[in-house]
C-alpha cells in the first residue's frame, strides 16, 4: 500500500494529517497506530511551523513496516534538539528519534522530505 495527501500550511493540518493516517491504519495494532499517528503529527507540525508551506504526507506499508514521509517546500533542515524540561518547544524530532525505528531527511530541488519507519506488529499480536 502506498498513498499520499497534501495539507495546507495552517494549524488544523496536523490534526487532519493524524486523522488521515489513523484511517489508513485501522487494521493495525493500536500501539503501532498510535506511534505512526504521533510521529506524523510531530513532523507535520514542524513543517508548518518552521517551513510555513503546504505539506504532503505519504504512507507506504511494506514488508513488516510503515514508511511515512512528510515533504514541504522549505530548504531549511530540521534540527534535532534536546531541550531541558522547562523549554516548551523543540521536542518533535527528539520524539521521532526515540519512537521510530529509523528516520532521516532528504533534500531536493523543491524542498525537503523528512521520513521515519515503524515496524508493524504481526497480525496475531
N, C-alpha and C. Protein backbone atom coordinates (compact mmCIF):
# COMPACT_ATOMS: atom_id res chain seq x y z
N UNK A 1 0.84 -1.17 0.00
CA UNK A 1 0.00 0.00 0.00
C UNK A 1 0.89 1.24 0.00
N UNK A 2 0.54 2.18 -0.82
CA UNK A 2 1.21 3.47 -0.84
C UNK A 2 0.17 4.52 -1.16
N UNK A 3 0.12 5.56 -0.36
CA UNK A 3 -0.85 6.61 -0.58
C UNK A 3 -0.32 7.93 -0.04
N UNK A 4 -0.83 9.03 -0.56
CA UNK A 4 -0.37 10.33 -0.11
C UNK A 4 -1.47 11.37 -0.13
N UNK A 5 -1.28 12.43 0.64
CA UNK A 5 -2.26 13.51 0.70
C UNK A 5 -1.54 14.82 1.03
N UNK A 6 -2.02 15.91 0.43
CA UNK A 6 -1.43 17.24 0.63
C UNK A 6 -2.29 18.02 1.63
N UNK A 7 -1.61 18.79 2.49
CA UNK A 7 -2.28 19.60 3.50
C UNK A 7 -1.79 21.04 3.42
N UNK A 8 -2.69 22.01 3.62
CA UNK A 8 -2.29 23.42 3.55
C UNK A 8 -1.49 23.85 4.78
N UNK A 9 -0.79 24.98 4.67
CA UNK A 9 0.02 25.47 5.80
C UNK A 9 -0.83 26.19 6.84
N UNK A 10 -1.63 25.42 7.56
CA UNK A 10 -2.48 26.01 8.60
C UNK A 10 -2.48 25.11 9.83
N UNK A 11 -2.85 25.69 10.96
CA UNK A 11 -2.75 24.99 12.25
C UNK A 11 -3.56 23.70 12.29
N UNK A 12 -4.65 23.62 11.58
CA UNK A 12 -5.51 22.43 11.62
C UNK A 12 -4.93 21.25 10.82
N UNK A 13 -3.90 21.49 10.06
CA UNK A 13 -3.36 20.42 9.20
C UNK A 13 -2.76 19.25 9.98
N UNK A 14 -2.17 19.51 11.14
CA UNK A 14 -1.62 18.40 11.93
C UNK A 14 -2.74 17.46 12.37
N UNK A 15 -3.85 18.02 12.82
CA UNK A 15 -5.00 17.18 13.23
C UNK A 15 -5.57 16.43 12.03
N UNK A 16 -5.66 17.10 10.89
CA UNK A 16 -6.17 16.45 9.68
C UNK A 16 -5.23 15.32 9.23
N UNK A 17 -3.94 15.54 9.35
CA UNK A 17 -2.96 14.50 8.99
C UNK A 17 -3.07 13.32 9.94
N UNK A 18 -3.28 13.58 11.23
CA UNK A 18 -3.47 12.49 12.20
C UNK A 18 -4.68 11.65 11.82
N UNK A 19 -5.78 12.29 11.51
CA UNK A 19 -7.00 11.56 11.12
C UNK A 19 -6.78 10.76 9.85
N UNK A 20 -6.11 11.37 8.89
CA UNK A 20 -5.83 10.70 7.62
C UNK A 20 -5.00 9.43 7.85
N UNK A 21 -3.91 9.55 8.58
CA UNK A 21 -3.03 8.40 8.82
C UNK A 21 -3.76 7.35 9.67
N UNK A 22 -4.49 7.78 10.66
CA UNK A 22 -5.24 6.84 11.51
C UNK A 22 -6.20 6.01 10.65
N UNK A 23 -6.86 6.65 9.69
CA UNK A 23 -7.81 5.93 8.83
C UNK A 23 -7.12 4.88 7.96
N UNK A 24 -5.87 5.12 7.62
CA UNK A 24 -5.13 4.16 6.81
C UNK A 24 -4.66 2.95 7.61
N UNK A 25 -4.58 3.10 8.93
CA UNK A 25 -4.03 2.05 9.78
C UNK A 25 -5.11 1.39 10.64
N UNK A 26 -6.34 1.45 10.22
CA UNK A 26 -7.44 0.95 11.04
C UNK A 26 -7.35 -0.54 11.37
N UNK A 27 -6.62 -1.29 10.57
CA UNK A 27 -6.49 -2.73 10.81
C UNK A 27 -5.21 -3.10 11.57
N UNK A 28 -4.52 -2.10 12.08
CA UNK A 28 -3.22 -2.34 12.72
C UNK A 28 -3.34 -2.38 14.23
N UNK A 29 -2.29 -2.90 14.85
CA UNK A 29 -2.14 -2.91 16.28
C UNK A 29 -2.22 -1.47 16.81
N UNK A 30 -2.92 -1.27 17.94
CA UNK A 30 -3.11 0.07 18.50
C UNK A 30 -1.78 0.76 18.80
N UNK A 31 -0.83 0.03 19.34
CA UNK A 31 0.46 0.64 19.68
C UNK A 31 1.18 1.15 18.44
N UNK A 32 1.14 0.37 17.37
CA UNK A 32 1.77 0.79 16.11
C UNK A 32 1.03 2.01 15.54
N UNK A 33 -0.30 1.92 15.52
CA UNK A 33 -1.10 3.03 15.01
C UNK A 33 -0.82 4.31 15.79
N UNK A 34 -0.81 4.22 17.11
CA UNK A 34 -0.55 5.40 17.94
C UNK A 34 0.82 6.00 17.66
N UNK A 35 1.83 5.14 17.47
CA UNK A 35 3.18 5.63 17.19
C UNK A 35 3.24 6.35 15.85
N UNK A 36 2.66 5.74 14.82
CA UNK A 36 2.70 6.34 13.48
C UNK A 36 1.93 7.65 13.46
N UNK A 37 0.78 7.68 14.11
CA UNK A 37 -0.02 8.91 14.15
C UNK A 37 0.72 10.02 14.90
N UNK A 38 1.30 9.69 16.05
CA UNK A 38 2.07 10.68 16.83
C UNK A 38 3.22 11.26 16.02
N UNK A 39 4.01 10.39 15.41
CA UNK A 39 5.19 10.86 14.68
C UNK A 39 4.80 11.68 13.45
N UNK A 40 3.73 11.27 12.78
CA UNK A 40 3.24 12.04 11.64
C UNK A 40 2.84 13.44 12.10
N UNK A 41 2.12 13.51 13.21
CA UNK A 41 1.69 14.79 13.75
C UNK A 41 2.88 15.70 14.07
N UNK A 42 3.91 15.12 14.67
CA UNK A 42 5.10 15.90 15.01
C UNK A 42 5.76 16.47 13.75
N UNK A 43 5.91 15.65 12.73
CA UNK A 43 6.58 16.12 11.51
C UNK A 43 5.74 17.14 10.75
N UNK A 44 4.44 16.93 10.69
CA UNK A 44 3.57 17.90 10.01
C UNK A 44 3.59 19.23 10.77
N UNK A 45 3.48 19.17 12.08
CA UNK A 45 3.53 20.40 12.89
C UNK A 45 4.84 21.14 12.66
N UNK A 46 5.96 20.42 12.69
CA UNK A 46 7.26 21.04 12.46
C UNK A 46 7.34 21.70 11.09
N UNK A 47 6.86 20.99 10.07
CA UNK A 47 6.94 21.52 8.71
C UNK A 47 6.12 22.79 8.57
N UNK A 48 4.96 22.82 9.18
CA UNK A 48 4.10 24.00 9.06
C UNK A 48 4.64 25.17 9.89
N UNK A 49 5.08 24.90 11.11
CA UNK A 49 5.59 25.97 11.97
C UNK A 49 6.90 26.55 11.43
N UNK A 50 7.81 25.67 11.02
CA UNK A 50 9.14 26.14 10.62
C UNK A 50 9.26 26.42 9.12
N UNK A 51 8.48 25.72 8.31
CA UNK A 51 8.57 25.91 6.87
C UNK A 51 7.51 26.82 6.30
N UNK A 52 6.36 26.88 6.99
CA UNK A 52 5.24 27.71 6.55
C UNK A 52 4.85 27.44 5.10
N UNK A 53 4.85 26.16 4.71
CA UNK A 53 4.44 25.77 3.36
C UNK A 53 3.45 24.61 3.49
N UNK A 54 2.77 24.32 2.40
CA UNK A 54 1.92 23.13 2.35
C UNK A 54 2.82 21.91 2.54
N UNK A 55 2.23 20.83 3.03
CA UNK A 55 2.98 19.59 3.24
C UNK A 55 2.25 18.44 2.57
N UNK A 56 3.03 17.45 2.17
CA UNK A 56 2.47 16.22 1.63
C UNK A 56 2.89 15.08 2.53
N UNK A 57 1.92 14.28 2.93
CA UNK A 57 2.17 13.11 3.77
C UNK A 57 1.98 11.87 2.89
N UNK A 58 3.03 11.07 2.81
CA UNK A 58 2.98 9.80 2.07
C UNK A 58 3.15 8.66 3.05
N UNK A 59 2.34 7.63 2.90
CA UNK A 59 2.40 6.46 3.77
C UNK A 59 2.59 5.23 2.89
N UNK A 60 3.63 4.47 3.20
CA UNK A 60 3.90 3.22 2.49
C UNK A 60 3.88 2.10 3.51
N UNK A 61 3.07 1.11 3.23
CA UNK A 61 3.02 -0.09 4.07
C UNK A 61 3.74 -1.18 3.29
N UNK A 62 4.86 -1.62 3.82
CA UNK A 62 5.67 -2.62 3.12
C UNK A 62 5.97 -3.76 4.08
N UNK A 63 6.67 -4.72 3.60
CA UNK A 63 7.06 -5.91 4.36
C UNK A 63 7.42 -5.63 5.81
N UNK A 64 6.43 -5.67 6.69
CA UNK A 64 6.70 -5.59 8.11
C UNK A 64 6.94 -4.21 8.68
N UNK A 65 6.77 -3.16 7.90
CA UNK A 65 6.97 -1.81 8.45
C UNK A 65 6.16 -0.77 7.70
N UNK A 66 6.09 0.40 8.30
CA UNK A 66 5.48 1.56 7.67
C UNK A 66 6.58 2.59 7.43
N UNK A 67 6.52 3.21 6.28
CA UNK A 67 7.40 4.33 5.95
C UNK A 67 6.50 5.53 5.74
N UNK A 68 6.68 6.56 6.54
CA UNK A 68 5.91 7.79 6.41
C UNK A 68 6.87 8.91 6.05
N UNK A 69 6.50 9.68 5.03
CA UNK A 69 7.31 10.80 4.57
C UNK A 69 6.47 12.07 4.63
N UNK A 70 7.06 13.13 5.14
CA UNK A 70 6.40 14.44 5.17
C UNK A 70 7.29 15.40 4.39
N UNK A 71 6.75 15.88 3.27
CA UNK A 71 7.51 16.76 2.38
C UNK A 71 6.97 18.18 2.45
N UNK A 72 7.88 19.15 2.42
CA UNK A 72 7.48 20.55 2.37
C UNK A 72 8.40 21.28 1.40
N UNK A 73 8.12 22.56 1.19
CA UNK A 73 8.87 23.33 0.20
C UNK A 73 10.00 24.14 0.79
N UNK A 74 10.26 23.96 2.06
CA UNK A 74 11.35 24.68 2.71
C UNK A 74 12.66 23.91 2.53
N UNK A 75 13.74 24.65 2.35
CA UNK A 75 15.06 24.02 2.22
C UNK A 75 15.80 23.96 3.54
N UNK A 76 15.24 24.57 4.60
CA UNK A 76 15.87 24.56 5.91
C UNK A 76 15.80 23.17 6.52
N UNK A 77 16.93 22.61 6.91
CA UNK A 77 16.90 21.28 7.51
C UNK A 77 16.32 21.31 8.91
N UNK A 78 15.66 20.22 9.32
CA UNK A 78 15.17 20.16 10.69
C UNK A 78 16.35 20.01 11.65
N UNK A 79 16.12 20.40 12.89
CA UNK A 79 17.20 20.34 13.88
C UNK A 79 16.79 19.44 15.03
N UNK A 80 17.57 18.39 15.26
CA UNK A 80 17.34 17.51 16.40
C UNK A 80 17.86 18.22 17.64
N UNK A 81 16.95 18.53 18.56
CA UNK A 81 17.32 19.24 19.78
C UNK A 81 17.01 18.37 20.98
N UNK A 82 17.64 18.68 22.07
CA UNK A 82 17.39 18.01 23.34
C UNK A 82 17.16 19.09 24.39
N UNK A 83 15.95 19.70 24.36
CA UNK A 83 15.68 20.82 25.26
C UNK A 83 15.57 20.36 26.71
N UNK A 84 15.80 21.30 27.62
CA UNK A 84 15.63 20.95 29.03
C UNK A 84 14.14 20.89 29.36
N UNK A 85 13.84 20.42 30.54
CA UNK A 85 12.44 20.20 30.92
C UNK A 85 11.61 21.47 31.02
N UNK A 86 12.22 22.63 31.07
CA UNK A 86 11.48 23.89 31.15
C UNK A 86 11.16 24.49 29.78
N UNK A 87 11.82 24.02 28.74
CA UNK A 87 11.60 24.55 27.40
C UNK A 87 10.32 23.93 26.83
N UNK A 88 9.33 24.76 26.47
CA UNK A 88 8.06 24.21 25.97
C UNK A 88 8.12 23.72 24.53
N UNK A 89 9.20 23.98 23.82
CA UNK A 89 9.29 23.61 22.40
C UNK A 89 10.55 22.78 22.14
N UNK A 90 10.62 22.26 20.92
CA UNK A 90 11.84 21.62 20.48
C UNK A 90 11.93 20.13 20.69
N UNK A 91 10.80 19.47 20.96
CA UNK A 91 10.84 18.04 21.24
C UNK A 91 10.41 17.17 20.06
N UNK A 92 9.91 17.76 18.99
CA UNK A 92 9.35 17.00 17.88
C UNK A 92 10.29 15.94 17.32
N UNK A 93 11.47 16.35 16.90
CA UNK A 93 12.41 15.38 16.33
C UNK A 93 12.98 14.44 17.38
N UNK A 94 13.07 14.90 18.62
CA UNK A 94 13.52 14.01 19.69
C UNK A 94 12.52 12.87 19.87
N UNK A 95 11.25 13.18 19.78
CA UNK A 95 10.22 12.14 19.86
C UNK A 95 10.33 11.20 18.68
N UNK A 96 10.49 11.74 17.48
CA UNK A 96 10.66 10.91 16.29
C UNK A 96 11.89 10.01 16.44
N UNK A 97 12.97 10.58 16.95
CA UNK A 97 14.21 9.84 17.14
C UNK A 97 14.03 8.67 18.13
N UNK A 98 13.26 8.89 19.18
CA UNK A 98 13.07 7.86 20.21
C UNK A 98 12.06 6.79 19.82
N UNK A 99 10.99 7.17 19.14
CA UNK A 99 9.88 6.24 18.88
C UNK A 99 10.04 5.47 17.57
N UNK A 100 10.61 6.08 16.56
CA UNK A 100 10.73 5.41 15.26
C UNK A 100 11.89 4.41 15.27
N UNK A 101 11.86 3.52 14.30
CA UNK A 101 12.98 2.59 14.11
C UNK A 101 14.14 3.29 13.40
N UNK A 102 13.79 4.21 12.52
CA UNK A 102 14.79 4.99 11.78
C UNK A 102 14.10 6.24 11.26
N UNK A 103 14.89 7.28 11.00
CA UNK A 103 14.35 8.49 10.39
C UNK A 103 15.48 9.20 9.66
N UNK A 104 15.10 10.10 8.78
CA UNK A 104 16.11 10.84 8.05
C UNK A 104 15.51 12.00 7.28
N UNK A 105 16.37 12.69 6.57
CA UNK A 105 15.98 13.86 5.79
C UNK A 105 16.58 13.73 4.40
N UNK A 106 15.78 14.02 3.40
CA UNK A 106 16.25 14.07 2.02
C UNK A 106 15.94 15.45 1.47
N UNK A 107 16.95 16.08 0.92
CA UNK A 107 16.76 17.41 0.33
C UNK A 107 16.60 17.26 -1.17
N UNK A 108 15.76 18.12 -1.74
CA UNK A 108 15.53 18.11 -3.18
C UNK A 108 15.47 19.52 -3.71
N UNK A 109 15.26 19.62 -4.99
CA UNK A 109 15.20 20.93 -5.65
C UNK A 109 14.02 21.77 -5.16
N UNK A 110 12.95 21.10 -4.72
CA UNK A 110 11.74 21.82 -4.34
C UNK A 110 11.47 21.79 -2.84
N UNK A 111 12.48 21.47 -2.04
CA UNK A 111 12.29 21.45 -0.60
C UNK A 111 12.95 20.23 0.02
N UNK A 112 12.28 19.69 1.05
CA UNK A 112 12.86 18.53 1.74
C UNK A 112 11.76 17.55 2.11
N UNK A 113 12.20 16.35 2.44
CA UNK A 113 11.32 15.31 2.93
C UNK A 113 11.94 14.74 4.19
N UNK A 114 11.15 14.71 5.26
CA UNK A 114 11.57 14.06 6.50
C UNK A 114 10.75 12.78 6.59
N UNK A 115 11.41 11.67 6.83
CA UNK A 115 10.74 10.37 6.84
C UNK A 115 11.08 9.60 8.11
N UNK A 116 10.23 8.61 8.40
CA UNK A 116 10.50 7.69 9.50
C UNK A 116 9.92 6.33 9.18
N UNK A 117 10.43 5.31 9.85
CA UNK A 117 9.87 3.97 9.74
C UNK A 117 9.47 3.47 11.13
N UNK A 118 8.43 2.66 11.14
CA UNK A 118 7.96 2.00 12.35
C UNK A 118 7.64 0.56 11.97
N UNK A 119 8.13 -0.39 12.75
CA UNK A 119 7.87 -1.79 12.49
C UNK A 119 6.42 -2.10 12.80
N UNK A 120 5.78 -2.81 11.87
CA UNK A 120 4.39 -3.23 12.07
C UNK A 120 4.38 -4.54 12.85
N UNK A 121 3.48 -4.64 13.83
CA UNK A 121 3.34 -5.88 14.58
C UNK A 121 2.68 -6.93 13.70
N UNK A 122 3.05 -8.21 13.89
CA UNK A 122 2.35 -9.26 13.16
C UNK A 122 0.86 -9.23 13.48
N UNK A 123 -0.01 -9.63 12.54
CA UNK A 123 -1.45 -9.52 12.74
C UNK A 123 -1.99 -10.24 13.94
N UNK A 124 -1.34 -11.30 14.41
CA UNK A 124 -1.86 -12.09 15.54
C UNK A 124 -1.45 -11.55 16.89
N UNK A 125 -0.78 -10.42 16.95
CA UNK A 125 -0.38 -9.86 18.25
C UNK A 125 -1.30 -8.79 18.70
